[in-house]
N, C-alpha and C. Protein backbone atom coordinates (compact mmCIF):
# COMPACT_ATOMS: atom_id res chain seq x y z
N MET A 1 67.42 -4.13 26.77
CA MET A 1 66.06 -4.51 26.41
C MET A 1 66.06 -5.22 25.05
N LYS A 2 64.97 -5.91 24.79
CA LYS A 2 64.80 -6.58 23.52
C LYS A 2 63.65 -5.95 22.75
N ILE A 3 63.65 -6.18 21.45
CA ILE A 3 62.65 -5.57 20.60
C ILE A 3 62.11 -6.61 19.62
N ALA A 4 60.80 -6.63 19.46
CA ALA A 4 60.15 -7.49 18.48
C ALA A 4 59.39 -6.63 17.50
N LYS A 5 59.43 -7.00 16.22
CA LYS A 5 58.78 -6.21 15.18
C LYS A 5 57.67 -7.02 14.52
N PHE A 6 56.54 -6.35 14.28
CA PHE A 6 55.43 -6.92 13.53
C PHE A 6 55.12 -5.98 12.37
N GLU A 7 54.79 -6.55 11.23
CA GLU A 7 54.38 -5.73 10.08
C GLU A 7 52.89 -5.91 9.89
N PHE A 8 52.13 -4.83 10.03
CA PHE A 8 50.68 -4.92 10.05
C PHE A 8 50.04 -4.05 8.97
N SER A 9 48.81 -4.43 8.61
CA SER A 9 47.84 -3.68 7.81
C SER A 9 48.32 -3.43 6.39
N LEU A 10 47.41 -2.88 5.61
CA LEU A 10 47.72 -2.59 4.21
C LEU A 10 48.81 -1.54 4.07
N PHE A 11 49.12 -0.82 5.15
CA PHE A 11 50.16 0.21 5.09
C PHE A 11 51.56 -0.37 5.30
N GLY A 12 51.67 -1.63 5.71
CA GLY A 12 52.97 -2.20 6.01
C GLY A 12 53.66 -1.50 7.17
N ILE A 13 52.88 -1.19 8.20
CA ILE A 13 53.40 -0.47 9.35
C ILE A 13 54.19 -1.40 10.27
N ASN A 14 55.33 -0.92 10.75
CA ASN A 14 56.10 -1.67 11.73
C ASN A 14 55.60 -1.32 13.14
N THR A 15 55.01 -2.30 13.79
CA THR A 15 54.63 -2.19 15.19
C THR A 15 55.69 -2.88 16.02
N TYR A 16 56.11 -2.24 17.12
CA TYR A 16 57.19 -2.79 17.93
C TYR A 16 56.70 -3.09 19.35
N VAL A 17 57.23 -4.17 19.90
CA VAL A 17 57.11 -4.45 21.34
C VAL A 17 58.52 -4.40 21.90
N VAL A 18 58.77 -3.46 22.81
CA VAL A 18 60.06 -3.35 23.48
C VAL A 18 59.87 -3.86 24.90
N TYR A 19 60.73 -4.79 25.31
CA TYR A 19 60.51 -5.43 26.60
C TYR A 19 61.80 -5.73 27.35
N ASP A 20 61.65 -5.76 28.66
CA ASP A 20 62.73 -6.14 29.56
C ASP A 20 62.58 -7.64 29.83
N PRO A 21 63.53 -8.46 29.38
CA PRO A 21 63.37 -9.92 29.53
C PRO A 21 63.46 -10.41 30.97
N VAL A 22 63.92 -9.54 31.87
CA VAL A 22 64.01 -9.93 33.28
C VAL A 22 62.71 -9.62 34.02
N THR A 23 62.25 -8.38 33.94
CA THR A 23 61.02 -8.00 34.65
C THR A 23 59.76 -8.35 33.87
N ARG A 24 59.89 -8.57 32.54
CA ARG A 24 58.78 -8.87 31.64
C ARG A 24 57.88 -7.67 31.37
N ASP A 25 58.27 -6.48 31.80
CA ASP A 25 57.53 -5.29 31.44
C ASP A 25 57.76 -4.97 29.97
N CYS A 26 56.74 -4.41 29.31
CA CYS A 26 56.89 -4.08 27.89
C CYS A 26 56.03 -2.88 27.54
N VAL A 27 56.37 -2.26 26.41
CA VAL A 27 55.53 -1.22 25.82
C VAL A 27 55.24 -1.60 24.38
N ILE A 28 54.06 -1.21 23.91
CA ILE A 28 53.67 -1.39 22.51
C ILE A 28 53.84 -0.04 21.82
N ILE A 29 54.59 -0.04 20.73
CA ILE A 29 54.89 1.21 20.01
C ILE A 29 54.28 1.16 18.62
N ASP A 30 53.48 2.16 18.31
CA ASP A 30 52.82 2.30 17.01
C ASP A 30 51.94 1.09 16.68
N PRO A 31 50.88 0.86 17.47
CA PRO A 31 50.02 -0.29 17.21
C PRO A 31 49.23 -0.13 15.92
N GLY A 32 49.58 -0.90 14.91
CA GLY A 32 48.96 -0.77 13.60
C GLY A 32 48.03 -1.92 13.24
N MET A 33 47.55 -2.65 14.25
CA MET A 33 46.68 -3.79 13.97
C MET A 33 45.35 -3.32 13.40
N PHE A 34 44.94 -3.95 12.28
CA PHE A 34 43.71 -3.55 11.61
C PHE A 34 42.59 -4.55 11.79
N ASP A 35 42.93 -5.84 11.88
CA ASP A 35 41.88 -6.85 11.98
C ASP A 35 42.20 -7.82 13.11
N SER A 36 41.30 -8.78 13.31
CA SER A 36 41.42 -9.69 14.45
C SER A 36 42.64 -10.60 14.33
N ASP A 37 43.05 -10.95 13.12
CA ASP A 37 44.24 -11.79 12.96
C ASP A 37 45.49 -11.05 13.45
N GLU A 38 45.58 -9.77 13.12
CA GLU A 38 46.74 -8.99 13.55
C GLU A 38 46.69 -8.74 15.05
N GLU A 39 45.52 -8.48 15.59
CA GLU A 39 45.40 -8.34 17.04
C GLU A 39 45.82 -9.62 17.75
N GLU A 40 45.42 -10.74 17.21
CA GLU A 40 45.76 -12.03 17.82
C GLU A 40 47.26 -12.29 17.75
N ALA A 41 47.90 -11.90 16.65
CA ALA A 41 49.35 -12.11 16.52
C ALA A 41 50.11 -11.36 17.60
N LEU A 42 49.70 -10.12 17.85
CA LEU A 42 50.35 -9.34 18.91
C LEU A 42 50.07 -9.94 20.28
N GLU A 43 48.82 -10.27 20.54
CA GLU A 43 48.46 -10.85 21.83
C GLU A 43 49.21 -12.16 22.08
N ASN A 44 49.31 -12.99 21.06
CA ASN A 44 49.98 -14.28 21.23
C ASN A 44 51.45 -14.11 21.62
N PHE A 45 52.11 -13.12 21.02
CA PHE A 45 53.50 -12.86 21.37
C PHE A 45 53.61 -12.41 22.83
N ILE A 46 52.76 -11.49 23.22
CA ILE A 46 52.80 -10.98 24.59
C ILE A 46 52.50 -12.09 25.59
N ASP A 47 51.53 -12.95 25.26
CA ASP A 47 51.21 -14.07 26.15
C ASP A 47 52.32 -15.11 26.19
N ARG A 48 52.92 -15.39 25.04
CA ARG A 48 53.96 -16.42 24.96
C ARG A 48 55.16 -16.07 25.83
N TYR A 49 55.50 -14.80 25.86
CA TYR A 49 56.66 -14.37 26.65
C TYR A 49 56.26 -13.84 28.03
N ASP A 50 54.98 -14.01 28.37
CA ASP A 50 54.47 -13.63 29.69
C ASP A 50 54.81 -12.17 30.00
N LEU A 51 54.52 -11.29 29.04
CA LEU A 51 54.86 -9.88 29.19
C LEU A 51 53.70 -9.10 29.82
N LYS A 52 54.07 -8.03 30.51
CA LYS A 52 53.09 -7.13 31.11
C LYS A 52 53.19 -5.79 30.39
N VAL A 53 52.13 -5.40 29.70
CA VAL A 53 52.12 -4.12 28.98
C VAL A 53 51.93 -3.00 29.98
N THR A 54 52.84 -2.01 29.94
CA THR A 54 52.76 -0.88 30.87
C THR A 54 52.32 0.41 30.18
N ASN A 55 52.61 0.55 28.90
CA ASN A 55 52.22 1.75 28.15
C ASN A 55 52.04 1.41 26.68
N ILE A 56 51.22 2.21 26.03
CA ILE A 56 51.14 2.22 24.57
C ILE A 56 51.67 3.57 24.11
N ILE A 57 52.58 3.57 23.15
CA ILE A 57 53.25 4.79 22.72
C ILE A 57 53.13 4.92 21.20
N ASP A 58 52.85 6.13 20.73
CA ASP A 58 52.88 6.38 19.29
C ASP A 58 53.99 7.38 18.98
N THR A 59 54.75 7.08 17.91
CA THR A 59 55.74 8.03 17.44
C THR A 59 55.07 9.24 16.79
N HIS A 60 53.86 9.03 16.24
CA HIS A 60 53.04 10.12 15.71
C HIS A 60 51.66 9.54 15.45
N LEU A 61 50.70 10.43 15.14
CA LEU A 61 49.31 9.98 15.10
C LEU A 61 48.69 9.96 13.71
N HIS A 62 49.45 9.58 12.71
CA HIS A 62 48.85 9.27 11.43
C HIS A 62 48.13 7.92 11.54
N ILE A 63 47.13 7.71 10.70
CA ILE A 63 46.22 6.59 10.85
C ILE A 63 46.93 5.24 10.89
N ASP A 64 47.96 5.05 10.06
CA ASP A 64 48.60 3.74 10.02
C ASP A 64 49.28 3.38 11.33
N HIS A 65 49.77 4.37 12.05
CA HIS A 65 50.47 4.12 13.31
C HIS A 65 49.52 4.07 14.50
N ALA A 66 48.30 4.56 14.33
CA ALA A 66 47.39 4.71 15.47
C ALA A 66 46.11 3.90 15.34
N ILE A 67 45.96 3.13 14.27
CA ILE A 67 44.70 2.45 14.03
C ILE A 67 44.39 1.40 15.09
N GLY A 68 45.43 0.87 15.75
CA GLY A 68 45.22 -0.15 16.77
C GLY A 68 45.28 0.37 18.20
N VAL A 69 45.37 1.68 18.38
CA VAL A 69 45.53 2.24 19.72
C VAL A 69 44.35 1.93 20.62
N GLU A 70 43.14 2.20 20.14
CA GLU A 70 41.96 2.03 21.00
C GLU A 70 41.79 0.58 21.41
N TYR A 71 42.03 -0.34 20.50
CA TYR A 71 41.93 -1.76 20.84
C TYR A 71 42.95 -2.13 21.92
N ALA A 72 44.20 -1.70 21.74
CA ALA A 72 45.25 -2.05 22.70
C ALA A 72 44.98 -1.43 24.07
N LYS A 73 44.46 -0.20 24.09
CA LYS A 73 44.13 0.45 25.37
C LYS A 73 43.08 -0.36 26.12
N LYS A 74 42.05 -0.80 25.43
CA LYS A 74 40.99 -1.56 26.07
C LYS A 74 41.47 -2.95 26.50
N LYS A 75 42.29 -3.56 25.66
CA LYS A 75 42.77 -4.90 25.96
C LYS A 75 43.66 -4.92 27.19
N TYR A 76 44.57 -3.95 27.30
CA TYR A 76 45.58 -3.99 28.36
C TYR A 76 45.35 -2.96 29.46
N ASN A 77 44.38 -2.08 29.27
CA ASN A 77 44.01 -1.10 30.31
C ASN A 77 45.21 -0.30 30.80
N VAL A 78 45.92 0.27 29.85
CA VAL A 78 47.12 1.07 30.15
C VAL A 78 47.02 2.41 29.43
N PRO A 79 47.78 3.42 29.86
CA PRO A 79 47.70 4.74 29.22
C PRO A 79 48.35 4.78 27.85
N PHE A 80 47.90 5.74 27.08
CA PHE A 80 48.41 6.00 25.74
C PHE A 80 49.25 7.26 25.77
N LEU A 81 50.50 7.17 25.29
CA LEU A 81 51.46 8.27 25.35
C LEU A 81 51.82 8.73 23.95
N ALA A 82 51.85 10.04 23.76
CA ALA A 82 52.30 10.62 22.49
C ALA A 82 52.59 12.11 22.73
N HIS A 83 53.18 12.75 21.73
CA HIS A 83 53.51 14.17 21.86
C HIS A 83 52.25 15.00 21.67
N LYS A 84 52.12 16.04 22.47
CA LYS A 84 50.91 16.86 22.46
C LYS A 84 50.68 17.55 21.12
N ASP A 85 51.74 17.82 20.36
CA ASP A 85 51.58 18.53 19.10
C ASP A 85 50.87 17.70 18.04
N ASP A 86 50.70 16.39 18.29
CA ASP A 86 49.97 15.54 17.35
C ASP A 86 48.55 15.25 17.81
N GLU A 87 48.11 15.87 18.88
CA GLU A 87 46.77 15.56 19.38
C GLU A 87 45.70 15.88 18.35
N PHE A 88 45.91 16.93 17.55
CA PHE A 88 44.91 17.28 16.54
C PHE A 88 44.71 16.15 15.54
N LEU A 89 45.75 15.35 15.30
CA LEU A 89 45.61 14.21 14.39
C LEU A 89 44.80 13.09 15.02
N GLY A 90 44.95 12.91 16.33
CA GLY A 90 44.15 11.91 17.02
C GLY A 90 42.67 12.23 17.00
N THR A 91 42.36 13.51 17.10
CA THR A 91 40.95 13.92 17.07
C THR A 91 40.37 13.87 15.66
N ARG A 92 41.23 13.60 14.69
CA ARG A 92 40.77 13.46 13.29
C ARG A 92 41.04 12.05 12.76
N LEU A 93 41.18 11.08 13.65
CA LEU A 93 41.56 9.74 13.21
C LEU A 93 40.48 9.11 12.32
N ARG A 94 39.22 9.28 12.71
CA ARG A 94 38.13 8.75 11.87
C ARG A 94 38.15 9.40 10.49
N GLN A 95 38.40 10.70 10.45
CA GLN A 95 38.49 11.40 9.17
C GLN A 95 39.66 10.86 8.34
N GLN A 96 40.80 10.63 8.99
CA GLN A 96 41.94 10.04 8.28
C GLN A 96 41.57 8.69 7.69
N ALA A 97 40.87 7.88 8.49
CA ALA A 97 40.50 6.53 8.03
C ALA A 97 39.59 6.59 6.81
N MET A 98 38.65 7.49 6.83
CA MET A 98 37.71 7.60 5.71
C MET A 98 38.42 8.03 4.43
N GLN A 99 39.48 8.81 4.56
CA GLN A 99 40.24 9.24 3.38
C GLN A 99 40.89 8.06 2.67
N PHE A 100 41.15 6.99 3.44
CA PHE A 100 41.76 5.80 2.86
C PHE A 100 40.73 4.70 2.60
N GLY A 101 39.45 5.03 2.74
CA GLY A 101 38.40 4.06 2.47
C GLY A 101 38.30 2.96 3.50
N LEU A 102 38.80 3.22 4.71
CA LEU A 102 38.74 2.21 5.76
C LEU A 102 37.37 2.25 6.42
N ASN A 103 37.02 1.15 7.09
CA ASN A 103 35.67 1.07 7.63
C ASN A 103 35.47 1.97 8.84
N ASN A 104 34.26 2.08 9.28
CA ASN A 104 33.91 3.04 10.32
C ASN A 104 34.18 2.56 11.73
N LYS A 105 34.87 1.43 11.88
CA LYS A 105 35.17 0.98 13.24
C LYS A 105 36.26 1.86 13.88
N VAL A 106 36.95 2.67 13.09
CA VAL A 106 38.00 3.53 13.62
C VAL A 106 37.39 4.72 14.32
N ASP A 107 37.80 4.94 15.58
CA ASP A 107 37.32 6.08 16.35
C ASP A 107 38.44 7.07 16.60
N ASP A 108 38.08 8.30 16.83
CA ASP A 108 39.06 9.30 17.25
C ASP A 108 39.66 8.88 18.60
N ILE A 109 40.89 9.31 18.86
CA ILE A 109 41.57 8.94 20.10
C ILE A 109 42.13 10.20 20.76
N SER A 110 42.35 10.10 22.05
CA SER A 110 42.96 11.19 22.80
C SER A 110 44.19 10.66 23.52
N ILE A 111 45.12 11.54 23.79
CA ILE A 111 46.38 11.18 24.46
C ILE A 111 46.16 11.24 25.97
N ASP A 112 46.55 10.18 26.66
CA ASP A 112 46.42 10.16 28.12
C ASP A 112 47.57 10.89 28.80
N THR A 113 48.78 10.71 28.27
CA THR A 113 49.96 11.35 28.85
C THR A 113 50.79 11.97 27.74
N TYR A 114 51.04 13.27 27.86
CA TYR A 114 51.84 13.96 26.84
C TYR A 114 53.32 13.66 27.04
N LEU A 115 54.01 13.46 25.92
CA LEU A 115 55.45 13.29 25.93
C LEU A 115 56.13 14.54 25.41
N GLU A 116 57.28 14.85 25.98
CA GLU A 116 58.09 15.99 25.57
C GLU A 116 59.52 15.52 25.32
N ALA A 117 60.26 16.30 24.55
CA ALA A 117 61.67 16.00 24.32
C ALA A 117 62.40 15.89 25.65
N GLY A 118 63.19 14.83 25.79
CA GLY A 118 63.96 14.62 27.01
C GLY A 118 63.28 13.73 28.03
N ASP A 119 61.98 13.47 27.86
CA ASP A 119 61.30 12.56 28.78
C ASP A 119 61.93 11.17 28.69
N VAL A 120 61.89 10.45 29.80
CA VAL A 120 62.40 9.09 29.86
C VAL A 120 61.27 8.16 30.26
N ILE A 121 61.04 7.15 29.45
CA ILE A 121 60.00 6.17 29.72
C ILE A 121 60.66 4.90 30.24
N LYS A 122 60.29 4.49 31.43
CA LYS A 122 60.85 3.29 32.03
C LYS A 122 60.16 2.05 31.46
N VAL A 123 60.95 1.05 31.12
CA VAL A 123 60.44 -0.24 30.69
C VAL A 123 61.17 -1.29 31.51
N GLY A 124 60.61 -1.66 32.65
CA GLY A 124 61.35 -2.49 33.59
C GLY A 124 62.59 -1.76 34.06
N THR A 125 63.74 -2.36 33.86
CA THR A 125 65.00 -1.72 34.23
C THR A 125 65.59 -0.91 33.08
N GLY A 126 64.94 -0.94 31.92
CA GLY A 126 65.41 -0.20 30.76
C GLY A 126 64.77 1.16 30.64
N GLU A 127 65.28 1.96 29.69
CA GLU A 127 64.79 3.31 29.49
C GLU A 127 64.73 3.64 28.01
N LEU A 128 63.66 4.35 27.64
CA LEU A 128 63.53 4.93 26.31
C LEU A 128 63.47 6.44 26.46
N LYS A 129 64.41 7.14 25.81
CA LYS A 129 64.44 8.60 25.87
C LYS A 129 63.70 9.18 24.67
N VAL A 130 62.86 10.17 24.92
CA VAL A 130 62.07 10.80 23.87
C VAL A 130 62.90 11.87 23.17
N ILE A 131 62.96 11.76 21.84
CA ILE A 131 63.60 12.77 20.99
C ILE A 131 62.52 13.35 20.08
N HIS A 132 62.33 14.65 20.11
CA HIS A 132 61.33 15.30 19.26
C HIS A 132 61.92 15.48 17.86
N VAL A 133 61.26 14.90 16.86
CA VAL A 133 61.74 14.97 15.48
C VAL A 133 60.60 15.44 14.58
N PRO A 134 60.19 16.70 14.71
CA PRO A 134 59.07 17.20 13.90
C PRO A 134 59.43 17.33 12.43
N GLY A 135 58.39 17.44 11.62
CA GLY A 135 58.60 17.64 10.18
C GLY A 135 57.72 16.72 9.37
N HIS A 136 57.68 15.43 9.74
CA HIS A 136 56.69 14.53 9.13
C HIS A 136 55.32 14.85 9.69
N SER A 137 55.28 15.07 10.99
CA SER A 137 54.12 15.66 11.67
C SER A 137 54.68 16.55 12.78
N PRO A 138 53.89 17.46 13.31
CA PRO A 138 54.44 18.37 14.33
C PRO A 138 54.92 17.67 15.59
N GLY A 139 54.24 16.58 15.94
CA GLY A 139 54.59 15.90 17.19
C GLY A 139 55.35 14.60 17.01
N SER A 140 55.98 14.40 15.86
CA SER A 140 56.74 13.17 15.64
C SER A 140 57.88 13.05 16.65
N ILE A 141 58.02 11.85 17.21
CA ILE A 141 59.10 11.59 18.15
C ILE A 141 59.85 10.33 17.75
N ALA A 142 61.06 10.20 18.29
CA ALA A 142 61.84 8.96 18.23
C ALA A 142 62.07 8.51 19.67
N LEU A 143 62.30 7.22 19.85
CA LEU A 143 62.48 6.62 21.17
C LEU A 143 63.83 5.92 21.19
N TYR A 144 64.74 6.40 22.04
CA TYR A 144 66.15 6.01 22.02
C TYR A 144 66.51 5.19 23.25
N ASP A 145 67.02 3.99 23.02
CA ASP A 145 67.56 3.14 24.08
C ASP A 145 69.08 3.23 24.00
N GLU A 146 69.65 4.09 24.82
CA GLU A 146 71.09 4.32 24.78
C GLU A 146 71.87 3.07 25.17
N LYS A 147 71.43 2.38 26.19
CA LYS A 147 72.16 1.21 26.70
C LYS A 147 72.26 0.10 25.65
N ASP A 148 71.15 -0.14 24.95
CA ASP A 148 71.13 -1.24 23.99
C ASP A 148 71.38 -0.79 22.56
N GLY A 149 71.55 0.51 22.37
CA GLY A 149 72.02 1.02 21.08
C GLY A 149 71.03 0.98 19.95
N PHE A 150 69.76 1.32 20.22
CA PHE A 150 68.80 1.39 19.13
C PHE A 150 67.87 2.57 19.31
N VAL A 151 67.27 3.01 18.20
CA VAL A 151 66.31 4.10 18.22
C VAL A 151 65.15 3.75 17.29
N ILE A 152 63.94 3.96 17.76
CA ILE A 152 62.72 3.75 16.97
C ILE A 152 62.30 5.11 16.43
N THR A 153 62.30 5.27 15.12
CA THR A 153 62.19 6.61 14.52
C THR A 153 60.83 6.92 13.91
N GLY A 154 59.88 6.00 13.97
CA GLY A 154 58.60 6.27 13.33
C GLY A 154 58.80 6.57 11.85
N ASP A 155 58.14 7.60 11.34
CA ASP A 155 58.26 7.95 9.92
C ASP A 155 59.19 9.14 9.68
N ALA A 156 60.05 9.45 10.66
CA ALA A 156 61.02 10.53 10.45
C ALA A 156 62.16 10.07 9.55
N LEU A 157 62.76 8.94 9.89
CA LEU A 157 63.95 8.46 9.18
C LEU A 157 63.77 7.01 8.81
N PHE A 158 64.02 6.71 7.51
CA PHE A 158 63.98 5.35 6.99
C PHE A 158 65.35 4.97 6.42
N SER A 159 65.47 3.72 6.05
CA SER A 159 66.64 3.30 5.32
C SER A 159 66.65 3.98 3.95
N ASN A 160 67.62 4.87 3.75
CA ASN A 160 67.81 5.56 2.48
C ASN A 160 66.67 6.51 2.12
N SER A 161 65.90 6.94 3.13
CA SER A 161 64.81 7.86 2.84
C SER A 161 64.41 8.59 4.13
N ILE A 162 63.46 9.51 4.00
CA ILE A 162 62.89 10.20 5.14
C ILE A 162 61.37 10.25 4.96
N GLY A 163 60.66 10.73 5.99
CA GLY A 163 59.21 10.78 5.92
C GLY A 163 58.70 11.81 4.94
N ARG A 164 57.51 11.57 4.42
CA ARG A 164 56.87 12.55 3.53
C ARG A 164 56.49 13.78 4.35
N THR A 165 56.42 14.90 3.69
CA THR A 165 56.13 16.15 4.40
C THR A 165 54.96 16.91 3.78
N ASP A 166 54.15 16.21 2.99
CA ASP A 166 53.03 16.86 2.32
C ASP A 166 51.70 16.64 3.05
N LEU A 167 51.75 16.07 4.25
CA LEU A 167 50.55 15.88 5.06
C LEU A 167 50.41 17.04 6.04
N PRO A 168 49.22 17.22 6.66
CA PRO A 168 49.02 18.36 7.56
C PRO A 168 50.09 18.47 8.64
N GLY A 169 50.70 19.65 8.73
CA GLY A 169 51.74 19.89 9.72
C GLY A 169 53.13 19.48 9.29
N GLY A 170 53.27 18.95 8.07
CA GLY A 170 54.58 18.52 7.59
C GLY A 170 55.39 19.67 7.03
N ASP A 171 56.72 19.54 7.12
CA ASP A 171 57.61 20.57 6.59
C ASP A 171 58.99 19.96 6.35
N MET A 172 59.45 20.01 5.11
CA MET A 172 60.71 19.36 4.74
C MET A 172 61.90 19.93 5.49
N ARG A 173 62.04 21.24 5.51
CA ARG A 173 63.20 21.85 6.17
C ARG A 173 63.22 21.50 7.65
N THR A 174 62.06 21.55 8.29
CA THR A 174 61.98 21.21 9.71
C THR A 174 62.41 19.77 9.95
N LEU A 175 61.97 18.86 9.10
CA LEU A 175 62.31 17.45 9.27
C LEU A 175 63.81 17.20 9.11
N VAL A 176 64.39 17.76 8.06
CA VAL A 176 65.82 17.56 7.82
C VAL A 176 66.64 18.10 8.99
N GLU A 177 66.31 19.30 9.46
CA GLU A 177 67.03 19.88 10.59
C GLU A 177 66.86 19.03 11.85
N ALA A 178 65.65 18.53 12.08
CA ALA A 178 65.39 17.73 13.28
C ALA A 178 66.16 16.41 13.24
N ILE A 179 66.24 15.79 12.07
CA ILE A 179 67.02 14.55 11.95
C ILE A 179 68.49 14.81 12.24
N LYS A 180 69.03 15.87 11.65
CA LYS A 180 70.45 16.15 11.81
C LYS A 180 70.79 16.53 13.26
N LYS A 181 69.90 17.28 13.92
CA LYS A 181 70.17 17.72 15.29
C LYS A 181 69.77 16.68 16.33
N GLY A 182 68.69 15.95 16.06
CA GLY A 182 68.17 15.04 17.07
C GLY A 182 68.59 13.61 16.93
N LEU A 183 68.83 13.15 15.67
CA LEU A 183 69.18 11.74 15.45
C LEU A 183 70.63 11.55 15.03
N PHE A 184 71.16 12.44 14.21
CA PHE A 184 72.53 12.25 13.73
C PHE A 184 73.58 12.58 14.79
N THR A 185 73.16 13.03 15.96
CA THR A 185 74.08 13.19 17.08
C THR A 185 74.24 11.90 17.87
N LEU A 186 73.42 10.89 17.55
CA LEU A 186 73.56 9.58 18.21
C LEU A 186 74.76 8.84 17.63
N PRO A 187 75.31 7.86 18.35
CA PRO A 187 76.45 7.10 17.83
C PRO A 187 76.14 6.46 16.48
N ASP A 188 77.13 6.41 15.61
CA ASP A 188 76.93 5.84 14.28
C ASP A 188 76.45 4.40 14.32
N SER A 189 76.82 3.68 15.37
CA SER A 189 76.44 2.27 15.48
C SER A 189 74.99 2.06 15.90
N THR A 190 74.29 3.13 16.26
CA THR A 190 72.91 3.00 16.73
C THR A 190 72.04 2.40 15.64
N VAL A 191 71.33 1.33 15.98
CA VAL A 191 70.42 0.68 15.03
C VAL A 191 69.13 1.49 14.95
N VAL A 192 68.69 1.77 13.73
CA VAL A 192 67.47 2.53 13.48
C VAL A 192 66.35 1.57 13.11
N TYR A 193 65.28 1.58 13.90
CA TYR A 193 64.09 0.80 13.58
C TYR A 193 63.00 1.78 13.13
N PRO A 194 62.72 1.83 11.83
CA PRO A 194 61.78 2.82 11.30
C PRO A 194 60.34 2.33 11.33
N GLY A 195 59.43 3.25 10.97
CA GLY A 195 58.02 2.92 10.96
C GLY A 195 57.60 2.04 9.80
N HIS A 196 58.41 1.98 8.76
CA HIS A 196 58.16 1.12 7.60
C HIS A 196 59.51 0.63 7.09
N GLY A 197 59.55 -0.57 6.57
CA GLY A 197 60.76 -1.06 5.93
C GLY A 197 61.79 -1.61 6.89
N PRO A 198 62.99 -1.89 6.35
CA PRO A 198 64.02 -2.57 7.14
C PRO A 198 64.78 -1.63 8.06
N ALA A 199 65.48 -2.23 9.00
CA ALA A 199 66.34 -1.49 9.92
C ALA A 199 67.58 -0.98 9.20
N THR A 200 68.19 0.02 9.77
CA THR A 200 69.44 0.58 9.24
C THR A 200 70.26 1.05 10.43
N THR A 201 71.24 1.89 10.20
CA THR A 201 72.02 2.47 11.31
C THR A 201 72.16 3.97 11.08
N ILE A 202 72.44 4.68 12.15
CA ILE A 202 72.67 6.12 12.04
C ILE A 202 73.85 6.40 11.11
N GLY A 203 74.93 5.66 11.27
CA GLY A 203 76.12 5.88 10.43
C GLY A 203 75.83 5.68 8.96
N ARG A 204 75.08 4.65 8.64
CA ARG A 204 74.74 4.39 7.24
C ARG A 204 73.93 5.53 6.66
N GLU A 205 72.95 6.02 7.41
CA GLU A 205 72.11 7.10 6.89
C GLU A 205 72.87 8.41 6.76
N LYS A 206 73.81 8.67 7.66
CA LYS A 206 74.66 9.86 7.52
C LYS A 206 75.41 9.83 6.21
N ASN A 207 75.88 8.65 5.83
CA ASN A 207 76.80 8.52 4.70
C ASN A 207 76.12 8.28 3.36
N THR A 208 74.87 7.76 3.38
CA THR A 208 74.29 7.34 2.12
C THR A 208 72.89 7.87 1.85
N ASN A 209 72.22 8.43 2.84
CA ASN A 209 70.84 8.86 2.63
C ASN A 209 70.81 10.08 1.71
N PRO A 210 70.22 9.98 0.53
CA PRO A 210 70.29 11.08 -0.44
C PRO A 210 69.55 12.34 0.00
N TYR A 211 68.62 12.21 0.93
CA TYR A 211 67.85 13.36 1.40
C TYR A 211 68.59 14.16 2.47
N LEU A 212 69.71 13.60 2.94
CA LEU A 212 70.37 14.19 4.11
C LEU A 212 71.85 14.47 3.87
N MET A 213 72.26 14.36 2.63
CA MET A 213 73.68 14.59 2.31
C MET A 213 73.98 16.10 2.29
């Protein structure tokens, strides 16, 4: 499969489109579009490559990763997938938005299909395996493409850093253990696409990440 990255909103959120170039099926991961220009940028890419959106997936339900969910659901008429342990954050999305001074167009959201560790999401002929990586939020997940050697980690693991744990449901020890058990067991060559910032690899983070040494 192939992956396209967009950087959206004042949060600098990485929104990903993962797609099968043969079948043209795709999923939108962590839709962070805040305004019409960002919505148009995503739509133009999907239209240009003649892609068919099959699912919208969130690695977790903090406002920056979920602010574009409702728009994408209405635009493409597809289900929204996330881990059930983050549903409480979706029901507080408007409250999250107000804490950051964002406008009232943000609505609370609900999960259409719950994801669990070990679930496999089909994207055309490709597959994304769900890895539960709690600690940044209770329901944080990563999405692993074993065949193509990449993992989308949301805000669990970054280049030379990890997710903050001072938000509701966060816990430092839980996050560190989840990264080591759930992500550091992947091949060192696996490319890590995080929720913010540049890509890295599992091997690099094992050897250099100061939070995980």
